Amino acid sequence: MKQIIRGIVVILLILYPFFVGWSLSHGQLVWVSALLIGLGVVRLFSPGHALLWPLTGFAILCGSLSLLLKDHAWLKMYPVFMSVGALMIFAGTLIRPPSMIERFARLAEPELPASGVAWTRNITVVWCIFFTLNAMIALATVLFAPMQVWVIYNGFISYLLMGMLLLGEFILRKRQQRLHPVSNSTEES
């Protein structure tokens, strides 16, 4: 049941820009603000997600400010804060290793060699750069773009860019592994 709820929360957060676009075009500020607060609260009380606290806090903050100030701009700011939150999470793992990408890599390869650790650290830096740029573009769509551009960028293009970065990293990692194979005898010495 917990996995189903977690899956629903993830899907709703992915579809969030479309909910905002639709609700604001139909004058439904209150229900989408409540939805964002509700998703944040569900995530807040989900066990084992301490690393996601920045994203959770920003969801509750943006939804609450939107309701209290009756200003839809706070709803549009959530993707900006999501990128800032992801940047905080990824950068935090650079300060307190293992890096985020190393954590992901160890799911598939628990005995990650030292070269793999260095590689994943560098890829985590690349993700930090991506989240910085994504936050700046998302902010520009809030401040300077019509709602349709905001929805297209934050609901489609940013996810497409993330997917391309993930795919590119996967392809380059496999290439790196082929070019620099690590034998068991090398790892032991």
Protein backbone atom coordinates (compact mmCIF):
# COMPACT_ATOMS: atom_id res chain seq x y z
CA MET A 1 0.00 0.00 0.00
CA LYS A 2 2.86 2.36 0.87
CA GLN A 3 4.38 1.79 -2.58
CA ILE A 4 1.08 2.62 -4.25
CA ILE A 5 0.73 5.86 -2.28
CA ARG A 6 4.36 6.76 -3.03
CA GLY A 7 3.76 6.06 -6.73
CA ILE A 8 0.63 8.24 -6.78
CA VAL A 9 2.51 11.09 -5.08
CA VAL A 10 5.34 10.85 -7.64
CA ILE A 11 2.91 10.81 -10.59
CA LEU A 12 0.97 13.78 -9.23
CA LEU A 13 4.19 15.75 -8.70
CA ILE A 14 5.33 14.96 -12.24
CA LEU A 15 1.96 16.08 -13.60
CA TYR A 16 1.94 19.13 -11.33
CA PRO A 17 2.65 21.75 -14.06
CA PHE A 18 -0.34 20.50 -16.04
CA PHE A 19 -2.59 20.70 -12.96
CA VAL A 20 -1.44 24.26 -12.36
CA GLY A 21 -1.95 25.28 -15.98
CA TRP A 22 -5.44 23.79 -16.08
CA SER A 23 -6.51 25.02 -12.65
CA LEU A 24 -5.32 28.58 -13.17
CA SER A 25 -7.00 28.78 -16.57
CA HIS A 26 -10.23 27.70 -14.82
CA GLY A 27 -9.79 29.91 -11.74
CA GLN A 28 -9.17 26.99 -9.37
CA LEU A 29 -6.28 28.32 -7.29
CA VAL A 30 -7.49 26.81 -4.01
CA TRP A 31 -7.67 23.14 -4.98
CA VAL A 32 -4.25 22.99 -6.63
CA SER A 33 -2.72 24.80 -3.62
CA ALA A 34 -4.38 22.24 -1.34
CA LEU A 35 -3.12 19.42 -3.57
CA LEU A 36 0.45 20.68 -3.32
CA ILE A 37 0.21 21.02 0.47
CA GLY A 38 -1.36 17.57 0.69
CA LEU A 39 1.38 15.96 -1.39
CA GLY A 40 3.98 17.63 0.78
CA VAL A 41 2.30 16.43 3.97
CA VAL A 42 2.03 12.86 2.65
CA ARG A 43 5.73 12.94 1.79
CA LEU A 44 6.50 14.51 5.19
CA PHE A 45 4.98 11.55 7.01
CA SER A 46 6.48 8.93 4.69
CA PRO A 47 9.21 7.03 6.52
CA GLY A 48 12.77 6.98 5.26
CA HIS A 49 12.71 10.13 3.15
CA ALA A 50 14.86 12.48 5.23
CA LEU A 51 16.95 13.24 2.15
CA LEU A 52 13.84 14.65 0.42
CA TRP A 53 13.07 17.20 3.16
CA PRO A 54 13.96 20.21 0.99
CA LEU A 55 11.45 19.12 -1.69
CA THR A 56 8.82 18.37 0.93
CA GLY A 57 9.29 21.69 2.69
CA PHE A 58 9.17 23.65 -0.56
CA ALA A 59 5.91 21.92 -1.60
CA ILE A 60 4.22 22.85 1.67
CA LEU A 61 5.70 26.38 1.57
CA CYS A 62 4.60 27.13 -2.01
CA GLY A 63 1.11 25.71 -1.52
CA SER A 64 0.65 27.56 1.77
CA LEU A 65 1.91 30.91 0.44
CA SER A 66 -0.36 30.54 -2.58
CA LEU A 67 -3.38 30.03 -0.31
CA LEU A 68 -2.47 32.68 2.25
CA LEU A 69 -1.51 35.36 -0.26
CA LYS A 70 -4.04 34.27 -2.90
CA ASP A 71 -1.23 34.50 -5.45
CA HIS A 72 -0.82 31.83 -8.13
CA ALA A 73 2.83 32.83 -8.69
CA TRP A 74 3.76 30.64 -5.70
CA LEU A 75 2.27 27.63 -7.46
CA LYS A 76 4.38 28.42 -10.51
CA MET A 77 7.46 28.76 -8.28
CA TYR A 78 7.34 25.16 -7.11
CA PRO A 79 9.36 23.78 -10.09
CA VAL A 80 12.00 26.43 -9.36
CA PHE A 81 12.16 25.31 -5.75
CA MET A 82 12.19 21.64 -6.82
CA SER A 83 15.37 22.29 -8.80
CA VAL A 84 16.84 24.28 -5.91
CA GLY A 85 15.90 21.46 -3.51
CA ALA A 86 17.41 18.82 -5.79
CA LEU A 87 20.54 20.97 -6.05
CA MET A 88 20.71 21.13 -2.25
CA ILE A 89 20.32 17.35 -1.97
CA PHE A 90 22.92 16.52 -4.65
CA ALA A 91 25.40 19.16 -3.46
CA GLY A 92 24.96 17.95 0.11
CA THR A 93 26.10 14.48 -0.93
CA LEU A 94 29.27 16.02 -2.38
CA ILE A 95 30.00 17.47 1.05
CA ARG A 96 28.96 14.32 2.92
CA PRO A 97 29.76 11.34 0.65
CA PRO A 98 28.83 9.07 -0.90
CA SER A 99 27.69 11.28 -3.75
CA MET A 100 24.12 10.91 -4.98
CA ILE A 101 25.12 9.25 -8.26
CA GLU A 102 27.44 6.88 -6.37
CA ARG A 103 24.45 5.85 -4.24
CA PHE A 104 22.48 5.11 -7.41
CA ALA A 105 25.43 3.31 -9.03
CA ARG A 106 25.93 1.07 -5.99
CA LEU A 107 22.37 -0.21 -6.37
CA ALA A 108 23.50 -1.94 -9.57
CA GLU A 109 27.18 -2.36 -8.70
CA PRO A 110 27.75 -2.67 -4.93
CA GLU A 111 31.52 -3.16 -5.32
CA LEU A 112 32.14 0.10 -7.15
CA PRO A 113 35.88 0.59 -7.83
CA ALA A 114 37.71 3.81 -6.90
CA SER A 115 37.57 4.97 -10.53
CA GLY A 116 33.80 4.51 -10.43
CA VAL A 117 33.55 6.55 -7.23
CA ALA A 118 35.49 9.40 -8.88
CA TRP A 119 33.31 9.12 -12.00
CA THR A 120 30.07 9.25 -10.02
CA ARG A 121 31.30 12.25 -8.04
CA ASN A 122 31.96 14.13 -11.29
CA ILE A 123 28.53 13.18 -12.62
CA THR A 124 26.96 14.45 -9.39
CA VAL A 125 28.69 17.80 -10.08
CA VAL A 126 27.18 17.76 -13.59
CA TRP A 127 23.73 17.20 -12.05
CA CYS A 128 24.32 20.14 -9.70
CA ILE A 129 25.07 22.34 -12.71
CA PHE A 130 21.96 21.02 -14.45
CA PHE A 131 19.73 21.79 -11.45
CA THR A 132 21.18 25.30 -11.21
CA LEU A 133 20.48 26.00 -14.89
CA ASN A 134 17.06 24.36 -14.70
CA ALA A 135 16.09 26.52 -11.70
CA MET A 136 17.15 29.67 -13.56
CA ILE A 137 15.18 28.73 -16.68
CA ALA A 138 12.14 27.73 -14.60
CA LEU A 139 12.33 31.09 -12.80
CA ALA A 140 12.50 32.88 -16.15
CA THR A 141 9.32 31.06 -17.23
CA VAL A 142 7.60 32.26 -14.05
CA LEU A 143 8.68 35.87 -14.45
CA PHE A 144 8.72 36.43 -18.21
CA ALA A 145 6.75 33.75 -20.05
CA PRO A 146 3.05 33.08 -20.66
CA MET A 147 1.42 30.14 -18.87
CA GLN A 148 1.67 27.87 -21.93
CA VAL A 149 5.46 28.28 -22.05
CA TRP A 150 5.68 27.68 -18.29
CA VAL A 151 3.66 24.44 -18.61
CA ILE A 152 5.62 23.20 -21.64
CA TYR A 153 9.02 23.87 -20.07
CA ASN A 154 8.26 22.70 -16.53
CA GLY A 155 5.97 19.84 -17.51
CA PHE A 156 7.81 18.48 -20.52
CA ILE A 157 11.11 20.05 -21.57
CA SER A 158 12.77 19.93 -18.14
CA TYR A 159 11.84 16.23 -17.80
CA LEU A 160 13.09 15.56 -21.31
CA LEU A 161 16.41 17.24 -20.44
CA MET A 162 16.69 15.17 -17.26
CA GLY A 163 16.02 12.01 -19.23
CA MET A 164 18.64 12.95 -21.80
CA LEU A 165 21.17 13.61 -19.04
CA LEU A 166 20.36 10.26 -17.42
CA LEU A 167 20.67 8.43 -20.73
CA GLY A 168 23.88 10.26 -21.64
CA GLU A 169 25.41 9.46 -18.26
CA PHE A 170 24.43 5.79 -18.60
CA ILE A 171 25.95 5.53 -22.09
CA LEU A 172 29.15 7.29 -21.03
CA ARG A 173 29.44 5.17 -17.87
CA LYS A 174 29.16 1.95 -19.91
CA ARG A 175 31.75 3.30 -22.34
CA GLN A 176 34.02 4.23 -19.42
CA GLN A 177 33.65 0.72 -18.00
CA ARG A 178 34.59 -0.85 -21.36
CA LEU A 179 37.62 1.42 -21.79
CA HIS A 180 38.84 0.98 -18.21
CA PRO A 181 37.89 -2.52 -17.05
CA VAL A 182 38.82 -3.32 -13.48
CA SER A 183 39.93 -6.85 -12.76
CA ASN A 184 39.53 -8.43 -9.32
CA SER A 185 43.31 -8.65 -8.88
CA THR A 186 43.68 -4.90 -9.51
CA GLU A 187 40.94 -4.11 -6.98
CA GLU A 188 42.57 -6.26 -4.29
CA SER A 189 46.00 -4.59 -4.57
